[in-house]
Amino acid sequence: MSTTSPILAVQPLGFPWATVDPFLFCAWHDDAYPQGNGEFGPKAALAGREIGSDFSRKDGWSMYHGDSVPGFPAHPHRGFETVTLVRKGLIDHSDSLGASARFGEGDVQWVTAGEGIVHSEMFPLLREDAGNPVELFQIWLNLPAKSKMVKPHFTMFWANEVPRLVAKDDAGRETVVRVIAGELQGAGAPLAPPPESWAAQAGSDVAIWTIRSQAGASWTLPAATGEGTQRVLYVFRGSARVAGREVAAPSAVQLRGDAAVELVGGEGGAEFLLLQGRPIAEPVAQYGPFVMNTQAEIMQAMQDYRHTQFGGWKWDDSAPVHGREPKRFAKYPDGRVETP
């Protein structure tokens, strides 16, 4: 490969997806859940699954850490942020701040864990007459040392608020870009990340974009604006030519930040996730859901959680589900209720 190529490396995707600083983790959940059983769980036998830790994808879906409803019951975080992009289905969120939400179908939730939060993320299967597909990305974005112990913050971005660019090439073939973080010319005003996020810092150059290309559609990914920005383009569906190189899903393409890159959708089109940002470039110490800078801070996080439960769990159940009505909503810690 020419040294002038914007492609630094191409590697197959595993679970979770490999990331680069300032990102810590990225998981793509794509589950073809069956009909609901009337109690928000699957109308299907759970035999053969390791209930409580089922990542089997048996029959095209997993229960994850749920025992009757799929999802992730109450668990703690400290020292980083979670960004959850729901493409299909609904997610029920509850947390130790007292916030709750039902969101999906293009909505984005952004939670700054900071000094500590406990939350649950459940996937209620509301439809009893048809399947309940769920597709989402969950991304962990690190916090710099100065922000590790900020107060937790809960943010919702509804689908209609997310900036979007629809670009057509000379043949009229379409590329659609949704801009969850960062700026893209032609997409409209950017979203405002939480105030203590690395994405809110001047010069961080954080971008989180989803890109969908029709077959044969050509679009040029602009060069990053920040010096030293790292970027990874995940090809998660279909195939494409990336800077002239054929790449098929599932693949991660690490790109130079200072170069524009032509993307051309393959025969069946392609879908991508872009994660980019200037590195925080600080030591990372991680133990499960705690991400700090030193092992001593990790030990302190564990002690704090044992003693305080990060404010305590305010719900009767470790895996709350917010009723049978599919209406999306967010209830904030101050009691304010918002709908799309």
C-alpha atoms as a PDB file:
ATOM      1  CA  MET A   1       0.000   0.000   0.000  1.00  0.00           C
ATOM      2  CA  SER A   2       1.259   3.448  -0.845  1.00  0.00           C
ATOM      3  CA  THR A   3       2.521   5.509   2.070  1.00  0.00           C
ATOM      4  CA  THR A   4       0.230   8.285   0.848  1.00  0.00           C
ATOM      5  CA  SER A   5      -2.883   6.184   1.440  1.00  0.00           C
ATOM      6  CA  PRO A   6      -5.208   7.570   4.116  1.00  0.00           C
ATOM      7  CA  ILE A   7      -5.744   3.975   5.327  1.00  0.00           C
ATOM      8  CA  LEU A   8      -3.494   3.029   8.235  1.00  0.00           C
ATOM      9  CA  ALA A   9      -4.938  -0.434   8.942  1.00  0.00           C
ATOM     10  CA  VAL A  10      -7.900  -2.701   8.206  1.00  0.00           C
ATOM     11  CA  GLN A  11      -8.938  -5.392  10.667  1.00  0.00           C
ATOM     12  CA  PRO A  12     -11.957  -7.650  11.203  1.00  0.00           C
ATOM     13  CA  LEU A  13     -14.495  -6.676  13.832  1.00  0.00           C
ATOM     14  CA  GLY A  14     -14.929  -8.731  16.992  1.00  0.00           C
ATOM     15  CA  PHE A  15     -17.126  -8.090  20.037  1.00  0.00           C
ATOM     16  CA  PRO A  16     -16.799  -5.458  21.314  1.00  0.00           C
ATOM     17  CA  TRP A  17     -15.231  -3.428  18.522  1.00  0.00           C
ATOM     18  CA  ALA A  18     -11.664  -2.235  18.974  1.00  0.00           C
ATOM     19  CA  THR A  19     -11.452   1.524  19.544  1.00  0.00           C
ATOM     20  CA  VAL A  20      -8.796   4.242  19.769  1.00  0.00           C
ATOM     21  CA  ASP A  21      -8.338   7.059  22.316  1.00  0.00           C
ATOM     22  CA  PRO A  22     -10.545   8.922  23.317  1.00  0.00           C
ATOM     23  CA  PHE A  23     -12.993   6.030  22.884  1.00  0.00           C
ATOM     24  CA  LEU A  24     -12.907   3.024  25.211  1.00  0.00           C
ATOM     25  CA  PHE A  25     -15.511   0.616  23.867  1.00  0.00           C
ATOM     26  CA  CYS A  26     -18.045   0.189  21.101  1.00  0.00           C
ATOM     27  CA  ALA A  27     -20.667  -2.552  20.862  1.00  0.00           C
ATOM     28  CA  TRP A  28     -23.219  -3.122  18.114  1.00  0.00           C
ATOM     29  CA  HIS A  29     -26.300  -4.962  19.339  1.00  0.00           C
ATOM     30  CA  ASP A  30     -28.453  -6.260  16.465  1.00  0.00           C
ATOM     31  CA  ASP A  31     -31.082  -8.632  17.832  1.00  0.00           C
ATOM     32  CA  ALA A  32     -34.013 -10.189  15.975  1.00  0.00           C
ATOM     33  CA  TYR A  33     -36.177 -10.612  19.070  1.00  0.00           C
ATOM     34  CA  PRO A  34     -39.351 -12.664  18.561  1.00  0.00           C
ATOM     35  CA  GLN A  35     -42.897 -11.826  19.650  1.00  0.00           C
ATOM     36  CA  GLY A  36     -43.301 -10.615  23.216  1.00  0.00           C
ATOM     37  CA  ASN A  37     -44.789 -12.892  25.859  1.00  0.00           C
ATOM     38  CA  GLY A  38     -47.031 -10.266  27.472  1.00  0.00           C
ATOM     39  CA  GLU A  39     -44.478  -9.662  30.237  1.00  0.00           C
ATOM     40  CA  PHE A  40     -41.982  -7.745  28.045  1.00  0.00           C
ATOM     41  CA  GLY A  41     -39.805 -10.824  27.471  1.00  0.00           C
ATOM     42  CA  PRO A  42     -39.475 -13.141  24.455  1.00  0.00           C
ATOM     43  CA  LYS A  43     -42.220 -15.610  23.623  1.00  0.00           C
ATOM     44  CA  ALA A  44     -39.618 -18.323  23.229  1.00  0.00           C
ATOM     45  CA  ALA A  45     -37.952 -20.963  25.355  1.00  0.00           C
ATOM     46  CA  LEU A  46     -34.808 -19.740  27.127  1.00  0.00           C
ATOM     47  CA  ALA A  47     -33.277 -23.231  27.373  1.00  0.00           C
ATOM     48  CA  GLY A  48     -29.681 -23.396  26.227  1.00  0.00           C
ATOM     49  CA  ARG A  49     -28.893 -19.859  27.296  1.00  0.00           C
ATOM     50  CA  GLU A  50     -26.698 -18.825  30.211  1.00  0.00           C
ATOM     51  CA  ILE A  51     -29.334 -16.659  31.844  1.00  0.00           C
ATOM     52  CA  GLY A  52     -27.787 -13.616  33.505  1.00  0.00           C
ATOM     53  CA  SER A  53     -24.929 -13.570  31.013  1.00  0.00           C
ATOM     54  CA  ASP A  54     -26.292 -14.596  27.626  1.00  0.00           C
ATOM     55  CA  PHE A  55     -24.347 -13.230  24.668  1.00  0.00           C
ATOM     56  CA  SER A  56     -24.986 -16.364  22.601  1.00  0.00           C
ATOM     57  CA  ARG A  57     -26.948 -14.831  19.703  1.00  0.00           C
ATOM     58  CA  LYS A  58     -28.869 -18.110  19.666  1.00  0.00           C
ATOM     59  CA  ASP A  59     -31.690 -17.774  17.095  1.00  0.00           C
ATOM     60  CA  GLY A  60     -30.341 -14.303  16.258  1.00  0.00           C
ATOM     61  CA  TRP A  61     -30.714 -12.669  19.680  1.00  0.00           C
ATOM     62  CA  SER A  62     -29.298 -12.549  23.200  1.00  0.00           C
ATOM     63  CA  MET A  63     -30.752 -11.946  26.663  1.00  0.00           C
ATOM     64  CA  TYR A  64     -27.527 -10.190  27.790  1.00  0.00           C
ATOM     65  CA  HIS A  65     -27.735  -9.797  31.584  1.00  0.00           C
ATOM     66  CA  GLY A  66     -31.531  -9.925  31.727  1.00  0.00           C
ATOM     67  CA  ASP A  67     -33.283 -12.980  33.159  1.00  0.00           C
ATOM     68  CA  SER A  68     -36.837 -12.443  31.845  1.00  0.00           C
ATOM     69  CA  VAL A  69     -36.554  -9.182  29.852  1.00  0.00           C
ATOM     70  CA  PRO A  70     -33.463  -8.780  27.674  1.00  0.00           C
ATOM     71  CA  GLY A  71     -31.035  -6.009  28.504  1.00  0.00           C
ATOM     72  CA  PHE A  72     -28.738  -4.767  31.228  1.00  0.00           C
ATOM     73  CA  PRO A  73     -30.206  -4.504  34.762  1.00  0.00           C
ATOM     74  CA  ALA A  74     -28.831  -1.994  37.294  1.00  0.00           C
ATOM     75  CA  HIS A  75     -25.046  -1.620  37.104  1.00  0.00           C
ATOM     76  CA  PRO A  76     -22.584   1.163  38.025  1.00  0.00           C
ATOM     77  CA  HIS A  77     -20.264   3.394  35.986  1.00  0.00           C
ATOM     78  CA  ARG A  78     -17.587   5.899  36.971  1.00  0.00           C
ATOM     79  CA  GLY A  79     -15.072   7.983  35.037  1.00  0.00           C
ATOM     80  CA  PHE A  80     -16.434   7.999  31.469  1.00  0.00           C
ATOM     81  CA  GLU A  81     -19.534   8.547  29.309  1.00  0.00           C
ATOM     82  CA  THR A  82     -21.967   6.265  27.513  1.00  0.00           C
ATOM     83  CA  VAL A  83     -23.469   7.301  24.178  1.00  0.00           C
ATOM     84  CA  THR A  84     -26.330   5.041  23.050  1.00  0.00           C
ATOM     85  CA  LEU A  85     -27.660   5.290  19.473  1.00  0.00           C
ATOM     86  CA  VAL A  86     -30.851   3.273  19.014  1.00  0.00           C
ATOM     87  CA  ARG A  87     -31.640   2.497  15.390  1.00  0.00           C
ATOM     88  CA  LYS A  88     -34.528   0.042  15.921  1.00  0.00           C
ATOM     89  CA  GLY A  89     -36.689  -0.867  18.890  1.00  0.00           C
ATOM     90  CA  LEU A  90     -37.071   0.736  22.291  1.00  0.00           C
ATOM     91  CA  ILE A  91     -34.816   1.006  25.342  1.00  0.00           C
ATOM     92  CA  ASP A  92     -36.026   1.618  28.889  1.00  0.00           C
ATOM     93  CA  HIS A  93     -33.517   3.608  30.968  1.00  0.00           C
ATOM     94  CA  SER A  94     -33.606   4.117  34.745  1.00  0.00           C
ATOM     95  CA  ASP A  95     -30.857   5.538  36.938  1.00  0.00           C
ATOM     96  CA  SER A  96     -29.717   6.523  40.416  1.00  0.00           C
ATOM     97  CA  LEU A  97     -30.293  10.207  39.634  1.00  0.00           C
ATOM     98  CA  GLY A  98     -34.004   9.448  39.440  1.00  0.00           C
ATOM     99  CA  ALA A  99     -34.053   9.896  35.662  1.00  0.00           C
ATOM    100  CA  SER A 100     -35.943   7.510  33.396  1.00  0.00           C
ATOM    101  CA  ALA A 101     -36.627   7.259  29.689  1.00  0.00           C
ATOM    102  CA  ARG A 102     -38.106   5.173  26.923  1.00  0.00           C
ATOM    103  CA  PHE A 103     -36.266   5.979  23.717  1.00  0.00           C
ATOM    104  CA  GLY A 104     -35.469   4.477  20.334  1.00  0.00           C
ATOM    105  CA  GLU A 105     -36.103   4.641  16.581  1.00  0.00           C
ATOM    106  CA  GLY A 106     -33.181   7.008  15.982  1.00  0.00           C
ATOM    107  CA  ASP A 107     -32.955   8.653  19.415  1.00  0.00           C
ATOM    108  CA  VAL A 108     -29.627   9.115  21.211  1.00  0.00           C
ATOM    109  CA  GLN A 109     -28.946   9.047  24.948  1.00  0.00           C
ATOM    110  CA  TRP A 110     -25.715  10.549  26.344  1.00  0.00           C
ATOM    111  CA  VAL A 111     -24.839   9.924  29.995  1.00  0.00           C
ATOM    112  CA  THR A 112     -21.831  11.415  31.783  1.00  0.00           C
ATOM    113  CA  ALA A 113     -21.132   8.967  34.610  1.00  0.00           C
ATOM    114  CA  GLY A 114     -18.517  11.217  36.236  1.00  0.00           C
ATOM    115  CA  GLU A 115     -18.161  10.463  39.954  1.00  0.00           C
ATOM    116  CA  GLY A 116     -20.657   7.642  39.702  1.00  0.00           C
ATOM    117  CA  ILE A 117     -24.048   6.572  38.427  1.00  0.00           C
ATOM    118  CA  VAL A 118     -26.065   3.358  38.492  1.00  0.00           C
ATOM    119  CA  HIS A 119     -28.369   2.718  35.557  1.00  0.00           C
ATOM    120  CA  SER A 120     -30.316  -0.015  33.826  1.00  0.00           C
ATOM    121  CA  GLU A 121     -30.964  -0.440  30.106  1.00  0.00           C
ATOM    122  CA  MET A 122     -33.744  -2.884  29.302  1.00  0.00           C
ATOM    123  CA  PHE A 123     -35.188  -3.905  25.934  1.00  0.00           C
ATOM    124  CA  PRO A 124     -38.963  -4.358  26.461  1.00  0.00           C
ATOM    125  CA  LEU A 125     -40.592  -6.559  23.816  1.00  0.00           C
ATOM    126  CA  LEU A 126     -43.909  -4.758  23.511  1.00  0.00           C
ATOM    127  CA  ARG A 127     -45.331  -6.374  20.387  1.00  0.00           C
ATOM    128  CA  GLU A 128     -47.063  -9.695  20.955  1.00  0.00           C
ATOM    129  CA  ASP A 129     -48.244 -10.122  17.347  1.00  0.00           C
ATOM    130  CA  ALA A 130     -44.907  -9.672  15.571  1.00  0.00           C
ATOM    131  CA  GLY A 131     -41.160  -9.610  16.092  1.00  0.00           C
ATOM    132  CA  ASN A 132     -39.409  -6.958  18.184  1.00  0.00           C
ATOM    133  CA  PRO A 133     -36.075  -6.204  16.466  1.00  0.00           C
ATOM    134  CA  VAL A 134     -33.607  -4.075  18.442  1.00  0.00           C
ATOM    135  CA  GLU A 135     -30.508  -2.469  16.950  1.00  0.00           C
ATOM    136  CA  LEU A 136     -28.238  -0.065  18.762  1.00  0.00           C
ATOM    137  CA  PHE A 137     -24.691   1.113  19.246  1.00  0.00           C
ATOM    138  CA  GLN A 138     -23.298   1.736  22.694  1.00  0.00           C
ATOM    139  CA  ILE A 139     -20.107   3.767  22.762  1.00  0.00           C
ATOM    140  CA  TRP A 140     -17.926   4.556  25.773  1.00  0.00           C
ATOM    141  CA  LEU A 141     -16.144   7.911  25.563  1.00  0.00           C
ATOM    142  CA  ASN A 142     -13.395   8.534  28.105  1.00  0.00           C
ATOM    143  CA  LEU A 143     -13.248  11.560  30.412  1.00  0.00           C
ATOM    144  CA  PRO A 144      -9.965  13.396  31.116  1.00  0.00           C
ATOM    145  CA  ALA A 145      -8.571  13.253  34.655  1.00  0.00           C
ATOM    146  CA  LYS A 146      -9.918  16.710  35.503  1.00  0.00           C
ATOM    147  CA  SER A 147     -13.472  15.541  34.702  1.00  0.00           C
ATOM    148  CA  LYS A 148     -13.460  12.005  36.114  1.00  0.00           C
ATOM    149  CA  MET A 149     -15.295  13.070  39.271  1.00  0.00           C
ATOM    150  CA  VAL A 150     -17.765  15.617  37.885  1.00  0.00           C
ATOM    151  CA  LYS A 151     -21.437  15.317  38.773  1.00  0.00           C
ATOM    152  CA  PRO A 152     -23.327  12.809  36.602  1.00  0.00           C
ATOM    153  CA  HIS A 153     -25.365  14.230  33.739  1.00  0.00           C
ATOM    154  CA  PHE A 154     -28.254  12.751  31.709  1.00  0.00           C
ATOM    155  CA  THR A 155     -29.003  14.004  28.180  1.00  0.00           C
ATOM    156  CA  MET A 156     -31.497  12.927  25.504  1.00  0.00           C
ATOM    157  CA  PHE A 157     -31.348  13.813  21.815  1.00  0.00           C
ATOM    158  CA  TRP A 158     -34.534  12.864  19.982  1.00  0.00           C
ATOM    159  CA  ALA A 159     -34.279  11.499  16.451  1.00  0.00           C
ATOM    160  CA  ASN A 160     -35.703  14.639  14.839  1.00  0.00           C
ATOM    161  CA  GLU A 161     -33.043  16.777  16.574  1.00  0.00           C
ATOM    162  CA  VAL A 162     -30.050  14.852  15.210  1.00  0.00           C
ATOM    163  CA  PRO A 163     -28.422  16.775  12.321  1.00  0.00           C
ATOM    164  CA  ARG A 164     -28.512  14.962   9.006  1.00  0.00           C
ATOM    165  CA  LEU A 165     -26.832  15.424   5.657  1.00  0.00           C
ATOM    166  CA  VAL A 166     -28.329  13.922   2.512  1.00  0.00           C
ATOM    167  CA  ALA A 167     -25.687  14.079  -0.231  1.00  0.00           C
ATOM    168  CA  LYS A 168     -26.182  13.021  -3.847  1.00  0.00           C
ATOM    169  CA  ASP A 169     -23.375  12.277  -6.267  1.00  0.00           C
ATOM    170  CA  ASP A 170     -23.380  13.214  -9.956  1.00  0.00           C
ATOM    171  CA  ALA A 171     -25.511  10.157 -10.758  1.00  0.00           C
ATOM    172  CA  GLY A 172     -28.072  11.032  -8.071  1.00  0.00           C
ATOM    173  CA  ARG A 173     -27.035   8.190  -5.770  1.00  0.00           C
ATOM    174  CA  GLU A 174     -27.502   9.006  -2.113  1.00  0.00           C
ATOM    175  CA  THR A 175     -25.348   9.035   1.014  1.00  0.00           C
ATOM    176  CA  VAL A 176     -27.027   9.911   4.324  1.00  0.00           C
ATOM    177  CA  VAL A 177     -24.956  11.011   7.337  1.00  0.00           C
ATOM    178  CA  ARG A 178     -26.389  11.422  10.857  1.00  0.00           C
ATOM    179  CA  VAL A 179     -24.198  13.618  13.071  1.00  0.00           C
ATOM    180  CA  ILE A 180     -24.443  12.713  16.758  1.00  0.00           C
ATOM    181  CA  ALA A 181     -21.253  14.549  17.729  1.00  0.00           C
ATOM    182  CA  GLY A 182     -19.106  16.992  15.799  1.00  0.00           C
ATOM    183  CA  GLU A 183     -19.871  19.251  12.875  1.00  0.00           C
ATOM    184  CA  LEU A 184     -20.438  18.480   9.215  1.00  0.00           C
ATOM    185  CA  GLN A 185     -20.932  21.178   6.630  1.00  0.00           C
ATOM    186  CA  GLY A 186     -24.453  21.031   5.239  1.00  0.00           C
ATOM    187  CA  ALA A 187     -25.894  19.022   8.146  1.00  0.00           C
ATOM    188  CA  GLY A 188     -27.112  22.003  10.164  1.00  0.00           C
ATOM    189  CA  ALA A 189     -26.301  23.182  13.661  1.00  0.00           C
ATOM    190  CA  PRO A 190     -24.436  20.564  15.734  1.00  0.00           C
ATOM    191  CA  LEU A 191     -25.796  19.040  18.909  1.00  0.00           C
ATOM    192  CA  ALA A 192     -24.350  20.320  22.190  1.00  0.00           C
ATOM    193  CA  PRO A 193     -22.649  17.495  24.095  1.00  0.00           C
ATOM    194  CA  PRO A 194     -22.892  17.375  27.904  1.00  0.00           C
ATOM    195  CA  PRO A 195     -20.903  20.254  29.445  1.00  0.00           C
ATOM    196  CA  GLU A 196     -18.130  18.145  31.011  1.00  0.00           C
ATOM    197  CA  SER A 197     -17.709  15.802  28.054  1.00  0.00           C
ATOM    198  CA  TRP A 198     -14.398  15.557  26.206  1.00  0.00           C
ATOM    199  CA  ALA A 199     -16.556  16.260  23.133  1.00  0.00           C
ATOM    200  CA  ALA A 200     -17.431  19.674  24.620  1.00  0.00           C
ATOM    201  CA  GLN A 201     -13.783  20.718  24.994  1.00  0.00           C
ATOM    202  CA  ALA A 202     -12.327  23.097  22.407  1.00  0.00           C
ATOM    203  CA  GLY A 203     -10.167  21.265  19.899  1.00  0.00           C
ATOM    204  CA  SER A 204     -11.259  17.749  20.915  1.00  0.00           C
ATOM    205  CA  ASP A 205     -12.497  17.143  17.345  1.00  0.00           C
ATOM    206  CA  VAL A 206     -14.831  14.375  18.541  1.00  0.00           C
ATOM    207  CA  ALA A 207     -17.146  13.023  15.856  1.00  0.00           C
ATOM    208  CA  ILE A 208     -19.723  10.248  16.041  1.00  0.00           C
ATOM    209  CA  TRP A 209     -21.449   9.785  12.695  1.00  0.00           C
ATOM    210  CA  THR A 210     -23.478   7.033  11.046  1.00  0.00           C
ATOM    211  CA  ILE A 211     -23.229   6.873   7.259  1.00  0.00           C
ATOM    212  CA  ARG A 212     -25.455   4.966   4.827  1.00  0.00           C
ATOM    213  CA  SER A 213     -24.432   4.751   1.172  1.00  0.00           C
ATOM    214  CA  GLN A 214     -26.601   3.487  -1.658  1.00  0.00           C
ATOM    215  CA  ALA A 215     -25.046   1.053  -4.113  1.00  0.00           C
ATOM    216  CA  GLY A 216     -22.442   2.923  -6.129  1.00  0.00           C
ATOM    217  CA  ALA A 217     -22.969   6.199  -4.250  1.00  0.00           C
ATOM    218  CA  SER A 218     -19.802   8.273  -3.934  1.00  0.00           C
ATOM    219  CA  TRP A 219     -19.231  10.687  -1.049  1.00  0.00           C
ATOM    220  CA  THR A 220     -16.049  12.186   0.359  1.00  0.00           C
ATOM    221  CA  LEU A 221     -15.506  12.016   4.108  1.00  0.00           C
ATOM    222  CA  PRO A 222     -13.865  15.364   4.899  1.00  0.00           C
ATOM    223  CA  ALA A 223     -10.530  15.535   6.671  1.00  0.00           C
ATOM    224  CA  ALA A 224     -10.671  16.027  10.429  1.00  0.00           C
ATOM    225  CA  THR A 225     -10.028  19.557  11.635  1.00  0.00           C
ATOM    226  CA  GLY A 226      -7.942  18.827  14.732  1.00  0.00           C
ATOM    227  CA  GLU A 227      -4.223  18.157  14.878  1.00  0.00           C
ATOM    228  CA  GLY A 228      -3.456  14.571  15.899  1.00  0.00           C
ATOM    229  CA  THR A 229      -7.074  13.416  15.524  1.00  0.00           C
ATOM    230  CA  GLN A 230      -7.528   9.652  15.400  1.00  0.00           C
ATOM    231  CA  ARG A 231     -10.393   8.143  13.423  1.00  0.00           C
ATOM    232  CA  VAL A 232     -11.810   4.691  12.785  1.00  0.00           C
ATOM    233  CA  LEU A 233     -14.439   3.915  10.165  1.00  0.00           C
ATOM    234  CA  TYR A 234     -16.425   0.778  10.964  1.00  0.00           C
ATOM    235  CA  VAL A 235     -17.996  -0.956   7.950  1.00  0.00           C
ATOM    236  CA  PHE A 236     -20.763  -2.915   9.643  1.00  0.00           C
ATOM    237  CA  ARG A 237     -23.090  -3.726   6.745  1.00  0.00           C
ATOM    238  CA  GLY A 238     -22.478  -4.371   3.068  1.00  0.00           C
ATOM    239  CA  SER A 239     -19.262  -3.462   1.321  1.00  0.00           C
ATOM    240  CA  ALA A 240     -17.565  -0.355  -0.004  1.00  0.00           C
ATOM    241  CA  ARG A 241     -14.510   1.096  -1.614  1.00  0.00           C
ATOM    242  CA  VAL A 242     -12.676   3.143   1.005  1.00  0.00           C
ATOM    243  CA  ALA A 243     -10.000   5.345  -0.580  1.00  0.00           C
ATOM    244  CA  GLY A 244     -10.039   2.911  -3.504  1.00  0.00           C
ATOM    245  CA  ARG A 245      -9.669  -0.225  -1.382  1.00  0.00           C
ATOM    246  CA  GLU A 246     -12.413  -2.858  -1.302  1.00  0.00           C
ATOM    247  CA  VAL A 247     -13.613  -3.401   2.247  1.00  0.00           C
ATOM    248  CA  ALA A 248     -16.417  -5.739   3.265  1.00  0.00           C
ATOM    249  CA  ALA A 249     -18.308  -5.849   6.557  1.00  0.00           C
ATOM    250  CA  PRO A 250     -17.525  -6.497   9.315  1.00  0.00           C
ATOM    251  CA  SER A 251     -14.316  -4.462   9.238  1.00  0.00           C
ATOM    252  CA  ALA A 252     -12.647  -1.553  11.029  1.00  0.00           C
ATOM    253  CA  VAL A 253     -10.635   0.863   8.906  1.00  0.00           C
ATOM    254  CA  GLN A 254      -8.211   3.080  10.800  1.00  0.00           C
ATOM    255  CA  LEU A 255      -7.734   6.313   8.855  1.00  0.00           C
ATOM    256  CA  ARG A 256      -5.369   9.232   8.935  1.00  0.00           C
ATOM    257  CA  GLY A 257      -7.169  12.198  10.387  1.00  0.00           C
ATOM    258  CA  ASP A 258      -5.636  14.759   8.056  1.00  0.00           C
ATOM    259  CA  ALA A 259      -6.905  13.252   4.796  1.00  0.00           C
ATOM    260  CA  ALA A 260     -10.247  13.348   3.005  1.00  0.00           C
ATOM    261  CA  VAL A 261     -11.454   9.854   2.072  1.00  0.00           C
ATOM    262  CA  GLU A 262     -13.746   8.853  -0.788  1.00  0.00           C
ATOM    263  CA  LEU A 263     -16.407   6.283   0.155  1.00  0.00           C
ATOM    264  CA  VAL A 264     -18.244   4.371  -2.571  1.00  0.00           C
ATOM    265  CA  GLY A 265     -21.075   2.013  -1.675  1.00  0.00           C
ATOM    266  CA  GLY A 266     -20.702  -1.580  -2.870  1.00  0.00           C
ATOM    267  CA  GLU A 267     -23.187  -3.584  -4.920  1.00  0.00           C
ATOM    268  CA  GLY A 268     -25.701  -3.775  -2.066  1.00  0.00           C
ATOM    269  CA  GLY A 269     -24.785  -0.451  -0.476  1.00  0.00           C
ATOM    270  CA  ALA A 270     -22.920   0.022   2.795  1.00  0.00           C
ATOM    271  CA  GLU A 271     -23.353   1.299   6.322  1.00  0.00           C
ATOM    272  CA  PHE A 272     -20.608   2.813   8.451  1.00  0.00           C
ATOM    273  CA  LEU A 273     -20.002   4.203  11.919  1.00  0.00           C
ATOM    274  CA  LEU A 274     -17.299   6.860  12.268  1.00  0.00           C
ATOM    275  CA  LEU A 275     -15.614   7.476  15.623  1.00  0.00           C
ATOM    276  CA  GLN A 276     -12.948  10.152  15.763  1.00  0.00           C
ATOM    277  CA  GLY A 277     -11.321  12.486  18.249  1.00  0.00           C
ATOM    278  CA  ARG A 278      -8.118  14.013  19.495  1.00  0.00           C
ATOM    279  CA  PRO A 279      -6.618  11.608  22.032  1.00  0.00           C
ATOM    280  CA  ILE A 280      -6.903  12.472  25.718  1.00  0.00           C
ATOM    281  CA  ALA A 281      -3.446  10.869  26.010  1.00  0.00           C
ATOM    282  CA  GLU A 282      -3.616  10.032  29.717  1.00  0.00           C
ATOM    283  CA  PRO A 283      -3.086   6.709  31.504  1.00  0.00           C
ATOM    284  CA  VAL A 284      -6.157   4.467  31.538  1.00  0.00           C
ATOM    285  CA  ALA A 285      -6.891   2.107  34.433  1.00  0.00           C
ATOM    286  CA  GLN A 286     -10.053   0.069  33.950  1.00  0.00           C
ATOM    287  CA  TYR A 287     -11.868  -2.509  35.996  1.00  0.00           C
ATOM    288  CA  GLY A 288     -15.198  -3.447  34.442  1.00  0.00           C
ATOM    289  CA  PRO A 289     -17.482  -0.413  34.635  1.00  0.00           C
ATOM    290  CA  PHE A 290     -14.908   1.866  36.299  1.00  0.00           C
ATOM    291  CA  VAL A 291     -12.388   3.803  34.176  1.00  0.00           C
ATOM    292  CA  MET A 292      -9.860   5.974  35.981  1.00  0.00           C
ATOM    293  CA  ASN A 293      -6.201   6.944  35.593  1.00  0.00           C
ATOM    294  CA  THR A 294      -4.571   4.793  38.308  1.00  0.00           C
ATOM    295  CA  GLN A 295      -5.178   1.473  40.048  1.00  0.00           C
ATOM    296  CA  ALA A 296      -5.483   3.352  43.343  1.00  0.00           C
ATOM    297  CA  GLU A 297      -8.409   5.314  41.872  1.00  0.00           C
ATOM    298  CA  ILE A 298     -10.008   2.056  40.735  1.00  0.00           C
ATOM    299  CA  MET A 299      -9.752   0.675  44.275  1.00  0.00           C
ATOM    300  CA  GLN A 300     -11.309   3.887  45.591  1.00  0.00           C
ATOM    301  CA  ALA A 301     -14.149   3.583  43.057  1.00  0.00           C
ATOM    302  CA  MET A 302     -14.894   0.051  44.244  1.00  0.00           C
ATOM    303  CA  GLN A 303     -14.875   1.147  47.890  1.00  0.00           C
ATOM    304  CA  ASP A 304     -17.091   4.150  47.161  1.00  0.00           C
ATOM    305  CA  TYR A 305     -19.591   1.989  45.319  1.00  0.00           C
ATOM    306  CA  ARG A 306     -19.730  -0.518  48.155  1.00  0.00           C
ATOM    307  CA  HIS A 307     -20.296   2.255  50.704  1.00  0.00           C
ATOM    308  CA  THR A 308     -22.619   4.628  48.816  1.00  0.00           C
ATOM    309  CA  GLN A 309     -24.073   2.715  45.843  1.00  0.00           C
ATOM    310  CA  PHE A 310     -23.456   6.012  43.999  1.00  0.00           C
ATOM    311  CA  GLY A 311     -26.558   7.539  45.528  1.00  0.00           C
ATOM    312  CA  GLY A 312     -28.590   4.361  45.826  1.00  0.00           C
ATOM    313  CA  TRP A 313     -31.110   2.662  43.587  1.00  0.00           C
ATOM    314  CA  LYS A 314     -34.483   4.423  43.544  1.00  0.00           C
ATOM    315  CA  TRP A 315     -36.492   1.698  41.812  1.00  0.00           C
ATOM    316  CA  ASP A 316     -38.388  -1.340  43.122  1.00  0.00           C
ATOM    317  CA  ASP A 317     -36.796  -3.622  40.525  1.00  0.00           C
ATOM    318  CA  SER A 318     -33.211  -3.902  39.275  1.00  0.00           C
ATOM    319  CA  ALA A 319     -34.560  -4.062  35.716  1.00  0.00           C
ATOM    320  CA  PRO A 320     -37.475  -1.595  35.481  1.00  0.00           C
ATOM    321  CA  VAL A 321     -39.736  -1.567  32.419  1.00  0.00           C
ATOM    322  CA  HIS A 322     -41.875   1.506  31.777  1.00  0.00           C
ATOM    323  CA  GLY A 323     -45.266   0.044  30.904  1.00  0.00           C
ATOM    324  CA  ARG A 324     -47.024  -1.117  27.746  1.00  0.00           C
ATOM    325  CA  GLU A 325     -47.477   2.242  26.022  1.00  0.00           C
ATOM    326  CA  PRO A 326     -44.808   2.573  23.283  1.00  0.00           C
ATOM    327  CA  LYS A 327     -44.725   6.376  23.596  1.00  0.00           C
ATOM    328  CA  ARG A 328     -41.162   7.680  23.999  1.00  0.00           C
ATOM    329  CA  PHE A 329     -40.350  10.044  26.873  1.00  0.00           C
ATOM    330  CA  ALA A 330     -37.595  11.259  29.178  1.00  0.00           C
ATOM    331  CA  LYS A 331     -38.037  12.196  32.812  1.00  0.00           C
ATOM    332  CA  TYR A 332     -35.091  14.216  34.108  1.00  0.00           C
ATOM    333  CA  PRO A 333     -33.725  14.232  37.665  1.00  0.00           C
ATOM    334  CA  ASP A 334     -35.468  17.587  38.341  1.00  0.00           C
ATOM    335  CA  GLY A 335     -38.837  16.042  37.473  1.00  0.00           C
ATOM    336  CA  ARG A 336     -39.138  17.651  34.052  1.00  0.00           C
ATOM    337  CA  VAL A 337     -40.771  15.351  31.479  1.00  0.00           C
ATOM    338  CA  GLU A 338     -39.964  15.597  27.772  1.00  0.00           C
ATOM    339  CA  THR A 339     -41.310  13.816  24.702  1.00  0.00           C
ATOM    340  CA  PRO A 340     -40.135  13.908  21.079  1.00  0.00           C
END
